[in-house]
Amino acid sequence: MALSFKIIQPLLQTGTNAASRWLSYIGLGIGVLLLLCSIQMFVNIQQLLGKNTVRKNGYDFVSVTKTVTNETMGQPDKNLFHAEDLAGLKAAPNVEDAAPLESNQFRVQLNAGDIFAFKTDLFLESLDTNFIDTVPPNFHWQVGDMNVPIILSSEFLEAYNVFAPGQGLPQVSQETATNLPVLITCSGRGQQATFAAHVVAFSDRINSVLVPQDFLHWANGNFGEQTTSGSARIYLKTRDANNGELLAFLDNKHYRINKDKVKFGRTKQTLQGIFSGLGVFGLLVVGMALMLFSFYLQLVIARSRDSLQLLLLLGYSPRWLGRKFSLRFIPIYLFVVLAALAAAQLLQALFHREVMLNRPELSTLLDWRVWLTAVLLTILSIITNFRLVNRLLRKLY
């Protein structure tokens, strides 16, 4: 049957309107390239901007505060989160859970003892341990204990080491800090108590001095001189701190979120929007190219109408004719898609090496989703071609 098709092939006027055919090929190549590059850049954005928060079990944890304005200054109740605010945040888009960061309501003073002359007023806070990135087994306290474990922000230690030389104080490493005994004095309501304290861990996520919740609740009850029921900060547990719906919700509520955690959020949204638009444009170009190619096929079959009708009268099967006619274009589709893949691979390699300077988050190779899209586009083009040819041939008999 292959030989017989070669014999009848001259009867089909496939060389007519070559400009339309080549325009469709070029358009298909450009559309596929745009679509593949858009998908790859979308993946690149996720890889570059998706790892900027300290994650725990696949979650982001970010702090939220209320915006203090000139109108709300001096009105702490308006700048604090209350039970209804916490419930609203728990129900916010993309939020798995939320917990308040509770603070001391009494005076706290830290004394480094006899090792070096360092004394300062201090604040203490507590948080649900499920929201803390580093929780050692000894981070607990019960009434009667005179030793209080502390989780200290890594940034606080760094800040101390910056100003310590100018004050004649020694710089301290993390290892030394965990072995350094200090005293914290809690006072209020005419009472005073001194506890031995020691740093048991450092947190890269929470900029605070954390103590066990049991200790802070007990101390607030015994020394607290205020009756504040709200919390200045709330920590959110979310799958993606850069989620657009979540950021829009927080903006609408006039809440402030830790900018360091989501500083790429709006940039990410903008870039994703740009490349999504390019992807849609690429799909439109692919669709227009296939449509233009369908016009070319219609023209070929229309000009070969008499020859095709004669072949059908001679006993050639319409399905066989359609299949043989369509198979002639499969190598062209494969070449167009492979050329687009090669161009996309070259652009990705240049982007990784020249623009991103071989950032480890990125890969020089195209993502598997790009290859899958190329395969699906090839299959779509072939199926579209087969269906169109068969439909046009059915109209001849």
Protein backbone atom coordinates (compact mmCIF):
# COMPACT_ATOMS: atom_id res chain seq x y z
CA MET A 1 0.00 0.00 0.00
CA ALA A 2 2.94 2.35 0.58
CA LEU A 3 3.97 2.01 -3.09
CA SER A 4 0.45 2.64 -4.29
CA PHE A 5 0.34 5.88 -2.30
CA LYS A 6 3.57 7.03 -3.91
CA ILE A 7 1.96 6.40 -7.25
CA ILE A 8 -1.14 8.43 -6.46
CA GLN A 9 0.66 11.14 -4.51
CA PRO A 10 1.19 13.37 -7.61
CA LEU A 11 -2.60 13.54 -7.94
CA LEU A 12 -2.77 15.50 -4.69
CA GLN A 13 -1.90 19.17 -5.20
CA THR A 14 0.02 19.58 -1.93
CA GLY A 15 2.34 22.18 -3.32
CA THR A 16 -0.36 24.81 -3.69
CA ASN A 17 -0.33 27.86 -1.44
CA ALA A 18 3.08 27.07 0.05
CA ALA A 19 3.13 30.47 1.81
CA SER A 20 0.13 29.49 3.94
CA ARG A 21 1.76 26.18 4.81
CA TRP A 22 5.09 27.71 5.86
CA LEU A 23 3.40 30.50 7.80
CA SER A 24 1.50 27.86 9.74
CA TYR A 25 4.72 25.97 10.49
CA ILE A 26 6.53 29.12 11.62
CA GLY A 27 3.56 30.24 13.70
CA LEU A 28 3.30 26.81 15.31
CA GLY A 29 7.02 26.90 16.18
CA ILE A 30 6.81 30.39 17.70
CA GLY A 31 3.69 29.50 19.69
CA VAL A 32 5.20 26.28 21.04
CA LEU A 33 8.44 28.10 21.97
CA LEU A 34 6.53 30.85 23.82
CA LEU A 35 4.45 28.29 25.69
CA LEU A 36 7.42 26.13 26.66
CA CYS A 37 9.50 29.12 27.79
CA SER A 38 6.58 30.48 29.81
CA ILE A 39 6.16 27.18 31.65
CA GLN A 40 9.90 26.93 32.33
CA MET A 41 10.09 30.50 33.64
CA PHE A 42 7.05 29.83 35.81
CA VAL A 43 8.93 26.86 37.29
CA ASN A 44 12.08 28.99 37.69
CA ILE A 45 10.12 31.58 39.67
CA GLN A 46 8.76 28.90 41.98
CA GLN A 47 12.25 27.51 42.57
CA LEU A 48 13.88 30.91 43.09
CA LEU A 49 11.22 32.55 45.25
CA GLY A 50 9.64 29.55 46.93
CA LYS A 51 12.42 28.94 49.47
CA ASN A 52 12.73 32.24 51.30
CA THR A 53 11.05 31.31 54.55
CA VAL A 54 12.06 29.04 57.38
CA ARG A 55 9.81 26.05 56.81
CA LYS A 56 8.77 23.30 59.17
CA ASN A 57 7.13 20.16 57.81
CA GLY A 58 6.39 21.94 54.55
CA TYR A 59 4.80 25.04 56.13
CA ASP A 60 5.70 28.72 56.31
CA PHE A 61 5.38 30.57 59.63
CA VAL A 62 5.07 34.35 59.50
CA SER A 63 4.18 37.01 62.05
CA VAL A 64 1.33 39.48 61.59
CA THR A 65 0.82 42.79 63.41
CA LYS A 66 -1.71 45.58 63.17
CA THR A 67 -0.66 48.82 61.52
CA VAL A 68 -0.19 51.59 64.08
CA THR A 69 -1.52 54.93 62.82
CA ASN A 70 -1.63 58.42 64.27
CA GLU A 71 -5.27 57.79 65.14
CA THR A 72 -4.60 54.56 67.05
CA MET A 73 -1.49 55.72 68.90
CA GLY A 74 -2.06 55.56 72.63
CA GLN A 75 -4.97 53.12 72.15
CA PRO A 76 -3.36 49.71 72.68
CA ASP A 77 -6.65 47.82 72.41
CA LYS A 78 -6.99 48.95 68.79
CA ASN A 79 -3.47 47.83 67.95
CA LEU A 80 -3.74 44.42 69.60
CA PHE A 81 -5.27 41.22 68.31
CA HIS A 82 -8.24 39.86 70.22
CA ALA A 83 -10.14 36.57 70.09
CA GLU A 84 -12.27 37.61 67.10
CA ASP A 85 -9.17 38.75 65.18
CA LEU A 86 -7.48 35.40 65.86
CA ALA A 87 -10.57 33.51 64.67
CA GLY A 88 -10.64 35.61 61.49
CA LEU A 89 -7.00 34.87 60.75
CA LYS A 90 -7.51 31.15 61.30
CA ALA A 91 -10.27 31.28 58.66
CA ALA A 92 -8.19 33.36 56.21
CA PRO A 93 -7.30 31.93 52.77
CA ASN A 94 -4.38 29.49 52.78
CA VAL A 95 -3.98 29.64 56.59
CA GLU A 96 -3.72 26.30 58.38
CA ASP A 97 -3.50 27.67 61.92
CA ALA A 98 -2.67 30.79 63.93
CA ALA A 99 -1.30 31.40 67.42
CA PRO A 100 -0.76 34.58 69.47
CA LEU A 101 2.67 35.62 70.68
CA GLU A 102 2.04 36.41 74.35
CA SER A 103 4.26 38.91 76.17
CA ASN A 104 5.20 39.68 79.75
CA GLN A 105 3.06 42.15 81.72
CA PHE A 106 5.69 42.77 84.38
CA ARG A 107 9.20 44.18 84.51
CA VAL A 108 12.06 41.85 83.59
CA GLN A 109 15.76 42.55 84.08
CA LEU A 110 18.60 40.37 82.79
CA ASN A 111 21.94 40.23 84.57
CA ALA A 112 24.96 38.37 83.20
CA GLY A 113 26.28 37.92 86.70
CA ASP A 114 29.97 37.93 87.56
CA ILE A 115 31.23 36.83 84.14
CA PHE A 116 30.97 40.27 82.54
CA ALA A 117 29.21 43.47 83.49
CA PHE A 118 26.08 43.37 81.41
CA LYS A 119 22.65 44.30 82.68
CA THR A 120 19.56 45.28 80.73
CA ASP A 121 15.80 45.44 80.90
CA LEU A 122 14.29 42.63 78.85
CA PHE A 123 11.02 41.47 77.39
CA LEU A 124 9.82 37.87 77.38
CA GLU A 125 7.33 36.21 75.08
CA SER A 126 5.85 32.77 74.63
CA LEU A 127 4.37 30.91 71.67
CA ASP A 128 2.82 27.54 70.94
CA THR A 129 5.80 25.23 70.41
CA ASN A 130 4.25 23.95 67.15
CA PHE A 131 5.13 27.36 65.67
CA ILE A 132 8.77 27.43 66.85
CA ASP A 133 11.45 26.16 64.48
CA THR A 134 13.84 24.82 67.17
CA VAL A 135 12.36 23.28 70.30
CA PRO A 136 14.79 21.22 72.43
CA PRO A 137 13.47 18.59 74.87
CA ASN A 138 14.40 20.71 77.90
CA PHE A 139 12.25 23.66 76.84
CA HIS A 140 9.66 23.27 79.59
CA TRP A 141 8.93 24.69 83.04
CA GLN A 142 6.68 23.96 85.98
CA VAL A 143 5.79 25.89 89.10
CA GLY A 144 8.62 25.69 91.64
CA ASP A 145 11.45 25.46 89.10
CA MET A 146 14.08 28.15 89.59
CA ASN A 147 15.66 27.52 86.19
CA VAL A 148 14.02 29.01 83.11
CA PRO A 149 14.98 27.83 79.61
CA ILE A 150 15.15 30.48 76.88
CA ILE A 151 15.02 30.29 73.09
CA LEU A 152 16.80 33.36 71.75
CA SER A 153 16.53 34.93 68.32
CA SER A 154 19.72 34.44 66.28
CA GLU A 155 19.39 38.05 65.17
CA PHE A 156 19.46 39.29 68.78
CA LEU A 157 22.78 37.56 69.40
CA GLU A 158 24.13 39.00 66.15
CA ALA A 159 22.98 42.50 67.18
CA TYR A 160 24.69 42.11 70.57
CA ASN A 161 27.97 41.04 68.92
CA VAL A 162 27.82 44.14 66.72
CA PHE A 163 27.55 46.68 69.54
CA ALA A 164 29.48 44.75 72.25
CA PRO A 165 33.04 45.84 71.23
CA GLY A 166 32.03 49.50 71.36
CA GLN A 167 30.79 49.04 74.94
CA GLY A 168 33.86 47.16 76.10
CA LEU A 169 31.95 43.88 76.25
CA PRO A 170 33.15 40.53 74.85
CA GLN A 171 31.54 39.03 71.79
CA VAL A 172 29.81 35.70 72.34
CA SER A 173 29.42 32.68 70.08
CA GLN A 174 26.27 30.58 70.05
CA GLU A 175 28.10 27.72 71.77
CA THR A 176 29.25 30.04 74.57
CA ALA A 177 25.81 31.64 74.88
CA THR A 178 24.18 28.26 75.51
CA ASN A 179 26.63 27.63 78.37
CA LEU A 180 26.44 31.12 79.83
CA PRO A 181 24.41 31.33 83.09
CA VAL A 182 22.36 34.50 83.45
CA LEU A 183 19.84 35.78 85.95
CA ILE A 184 16.42 37.20 85.15
CA THR A 185 14.59 39.20 87.78
CA CYS A 186 10.81 39.48 87.55
CA SER A 187 9.12 42.23 89.53
CA GLY A 188 5.64 43.66 89.91
CA ARG A 189 2.78 44.05 92.39
CA GLY A 190 5.37 44.72 95.07
CA GLN A 191 6.94 41.30 94.54
CA GLN A 192 10.24 40.22 93.09
CA ALA A 193 11.80 36.88 92.16
CA THR A 194 15.09 35.97 90.52
CA PHE A 195 15.51 32.92 88.32
CA ALA A 196 18.54 31.29 86.79
CA ALA A 197 18.14 31.27 83.02
CA HIS A 198 20.05 29.69 80.17
CA VAL A 199 19.74 29.72 76.40
CA VAL A 200 18.74 26.27 75.20
CA ALA A 201 18.33 27.06 71.48
CA PHE A 202 18.38 29.79 68.84
CA SER A 203 15.52 30.61 66.49
CA ASP A 204 15.95 31.83 62.93
CA ARG A 205 12.22 32.39 62.62
CA ILE A 206 11.06 34.27 65.72
CA ASN A 207 12.67 37.58 66.63
CA SER A 208 12.09 37.41 70.34
CA VAL A 209 13.18 36.01 73.69
CA LEU A 210 10.96 32.98 74.18
CA VAL A 211 10.19 31.26 77.46
CA PRO A 212 7.82 28.32 78.07
CA GLN A 213 4.15 29.28 78.08
CA ASP A 214 3.68 27.77 81.55
CA PHE A 215 6.28 30.12 83.00
CA LEU A 216 4.91 33.24 81.31
CA HIS A 217 1.33 32.47 82.36
CA TRP A 218 2.46 31.90 85.95
CA ALA A 219 4.62 35.04 86.00
CA ASN A 220 1.90 37.23 84.48
CA GLY A 221 -0.50 35.95 87.10
CA ASN A 222 1.90 36.70 89.96
CA PHE A 223 3.73 39.83 88.84
CA GLY A 224 1.54 41.25 86.07
CA GLU A 225 0.47 44.83 86.64
CA GLN A 226 -1.59 45.17 83.45
CA THR A 227 -4.79 43.51 82.36
CA THR A 228 -4.16 43.55 78.62
CA SER A 229 -6.09 40.70 77.02
CA GLY A 230 -4.79 41.05 73.49
CA SER A 231 -1.63 40.14 71.66
CA ALA A 232 0.60 42.43 69.60
CA ARG A 233 1.68 39.66 67.22
CA ILE A 234 0.12 36.55 65.77
CA TYR A 235 1.99 33.82 63.94
CA LEU A 236 0.38 32.19 60.93
CA LYS A 237 0.96 28.65 59.71
CA THR A 238 0.50 28.55 55.95
CA ARG A 239 1.48 26.41 52.98
CA ASP A 240 2.74 29.47 51.13
CA ALA A 241 3.44 32.83 52.77
CA ASN A 242 3.53 34.40 49.29
CA ASN A 243 0.03 33.24 48.40
CA GLY A 244 -1.80 36.03 46.56
CA GLU A 245 -5.16 35.47 48.29
CA LEU A 246 -3.53 35.57 51.72
CA LEU A 247 -1.58 38.76 50.96
CA ALA A 248 -4.73 40.41 49.59
CA PHE A 249 -6.66 39.40 52.73
CA LEU A 250 -3.99 40.89 55.00
CA ASP A 251 -3.81 44.08 52.93
CA ASN A 252 -7.59 44.43 53.13
CA LYS A 253 -7.43 44.11 56.92
CA HIS A 254 -4.52 46.60 57.07
CA TYR A 255 -2.37 43.99 58.78
CA ARG A 256 1.40 44.09 58.48
CA ILE A 257 3.26 40.88 57.70
CA ASN A 258 6.94 40.16 58.20
CA LYS A 259 8.32 41.75 55.03
CA ASP A 260 11.45 39.64 55.02
CA LYS A 261 9.32 36.52 54.73
CA VAL A 262 7.12 37.75 51.90
CA LYS A 263 9.25 40.40 50.23
CA PHE A 264 9.18 38.34 47.05
CA GLY A 265 5.43 37.71 47.22
CA ARG A 266 4.21 40.57 45.05
CA THR A 267 7.21 40.25 42.73
CA LYS A 268 6.36 36.59 42.39
CA GLN A 269 2.73 37.41 41.62
CA THR A 270 3.74 39.97 38.98
CA LEU A 271 6.22 37.64 37.27
CA GLN A 272 3.79 34.77 37.36
CA GLY A 273 1.15 37.01 35.81
CA ILE A 274 3.54 38.07 33.02
CA PHE A 275 4.57 34.54 32.14
CA SER A 276 1.01 33.26 32.46
CA GLY A 277 0.04 35.91 29.92
CA LEU A 278 2.87 34.83 27.63
CA GLY A 279 1.73 31.23 28.00
CA VAL A 280 -1.82 32.14 27.03
CA PHE A 281 -0.48 34.15 24.09
CA GLY A 282 1.61 31.14 23.06
CA LEU A 283 -1.48 28.93 23.16
CA LEU A 284 -3.34 31.43 21.00
CA VAL A 285 -0.48 31.45 18.49
CA VAL A 286 -0.48 27.63 18.42
CA GLY A 287 -4.25 27.65 17.87
CA MET A 288 -3.99 30.21 15.07
CA ALA A 289 -1.17 28.22 13.43
CA LEU A 290 -3.25 25.04 13.51
CA MET A 291 -6.20 26.98 12.10
CA LEU A 292 -4.04 28.37 9.29
CA PHE A 293 -2.78 24.87 8.55
CA SER A 294 -6.35 23.62 8.44
CA PHE A 295 -7.09 26.25 5.75
CA TYR A 296 -4.11 24.90 3.82
CA LEU A 297 -5.45 21.33 4.09
CA GLN A 298 -8.90 22.42 2.99
CA LEU A 299 -7.40 24.16 -0.02
CA VAL A 300 -5.31 21.09 -0.95
CA ILE A 301 -8.26 18.73 -0.68
CA ALA A 302 -10.53 21.17 -2.53
CA ARG A 303 -8.06 21.43 -5.43
CA SER A 304 -7.58 17.64 -5.43
CA ARG A 305 -11.30 16.97 -5.19
CA ASP A 306 -11.67 15.31 -8.61
CA SER A 307 -8.60 13.11 -8.12
CA LEU A 308 -9.72 12.04 -4.64
CA GLN A 309 -13.25 11.22 -5.83
CA LEU A 310 -11.76 9.13 -8.61
CA LEU A 311 -9.57 7.24 -6.14
CA LEU A 312 -12.61 6.60 -3.96
CA LEU A 313 -14.52 5.25 -6.96
CA LEU A 314 -11.56 2.98 -7.75
CA GLY A 315 -11.99 1.40 -4.31
CA TYR A 316 -9.48 3.21 -2.13
CA SER A 317 -10.64 3.34 1.49
CA PRO A 318 -11.33 6.86 2.81
CA ARG A 319 -9.70 5.89 6.14
CA TRP A 320 -6.58 4.63 4.35
CA LEU A 321 -6.35 7.75 2.24
CA GLY A 322 -6.84 9.99 5.28
CA ARG A 323 -4.25 8.12 7.31
CA LYS A 324 -1.63 8.16 4.54
CA PHE A 325 -2.29 11.81 3.79
CA SER A 326 -2.03 12.80 7.46
CA LEU A 327 1.13 10.76 8.12
CA ARG A 328 3.00 12.93 5.63
CA PHE A 329 2.82 15.86 8.10
CA ILE A 330 3.86 14.05 11.31
CA PRO A 331 7.62 14.51 10.66
CA ILE A 332 6.97 18.23 10.20
CA TYR A 333 5.13 18.48 13.53
CA LEU A 334 7.90 16.54 15.26
CA PHE A 335 10.57 18.78 13.73
CA VAL A 336 8.74 21.97 14.77
CA VAL A 337 8.25 20.83 18.38
CA LEU A 338 11.80 19.47 18.69
CA ALA A 339 13.20 22.72 17.29
CA ALA A 340 11.15 24.67 19.86
CA LEU A 341 12.39 22.35 22.63
CA ALA A 342 16.00 22.84 21.53
CA ALA A 343 15.56 26.62 21.52
CA ALA A 344 13.89 26.54 24.95
CA GLN A 345 16.71 24.37 26.31
CA LEU A 346 19.30 26.79 24.95
CA LEU A 347 17.50 29.77 26.52
CA GLN A 348 17.20 27.98 29.88
CA ALA A 349 20.90 27.10 29.87
CA LEU A 350 21.83 30.71 29.07
CA PHE A 351 19.45 32.02 31.73
CA HIS A 352 20.88 29.66 34.36
CA ARG A 353 24.52 30.30 33.50
CA GLU A 354 24.64 33.94 32.40
CA VAL A 355 21.76 35.59 34.27
CA MET A 356 21.44 33.48 37.43
CA LEU A 357 25.18 32.63 37.58
CA ASN A 358 24.50 28.91 38.13
CA ARG A 359 22.23 29.36 41.14
CA PRO A 360 21.83 25.93 42.82
CA GLU A 361 18.05 26.34 43.07
CA LEU A 362 17.76 26.17 39.29
CA SER A 363 18.51 23.41 36.82
CA THR A 364 20.20 23.86 33.47
CA LEU A 365 17.84 21.26 32.02
CA LEU A 366 14.22 21.92 31.18
CA ASP A 367 11.65 20.89 33.76
CA TRP A 368 9.73 17.66 33.17
CA ARG A 369 6.51 19.67 32.81
CA VAL A 370 7.98 21.41 29.77
CA TRP A 371 8.75 18.06 28.13
CA LEU A 372 5.27 16.80 28.97
CA THR A 373 3.72 19.92 27.42
CA ALA A 374 5.78 19.39 24.24
CA VAL A 375 4.58 15.79 23.99
CA LEU A 376 0.95 16.81 24.55
CA LEU A 377 1.20 19.57 21.92
CA THR A 378 2.62 17.08 19.40
CA ILE A 379 -0.20 14.61 20.11
CA LEU A 380 -2.76 17.43 19.89
CA SER A 381 -1.41 18.58 16.53
CA ILE A 382 -1.42 15.05 15.08
CA ILE A 383 -4.93 14.28 16.34
CA THR A 384 -6.22 17.62 15.02
CA ASN A 385 -4.65 16.90 11.65
CA PHE A 386 -6.13 13.37 11.43
CA ARG A 387 -9.62 14.51 12.42
CA LEU A 388 -9.59 17.41 9.96
CA VAL A 389 -8.41 15.30 7.00
CA ASN A 390 -10.96 12.56 7.73
CA ARG A 391 -13.76 15.10 8.06
CA LEU A 392 -12.85 16.72 4.75
CA LEU A 393 -12.59 13.37 2.95
CA ARG A 394 -15.99 12.26 4.25
CA LYS A 395 -17.53 15.23 2.46
CA LEU A 396 -16.36 13.77 -0.90
CA TYR A 397 -18.54 10.67 -0.74
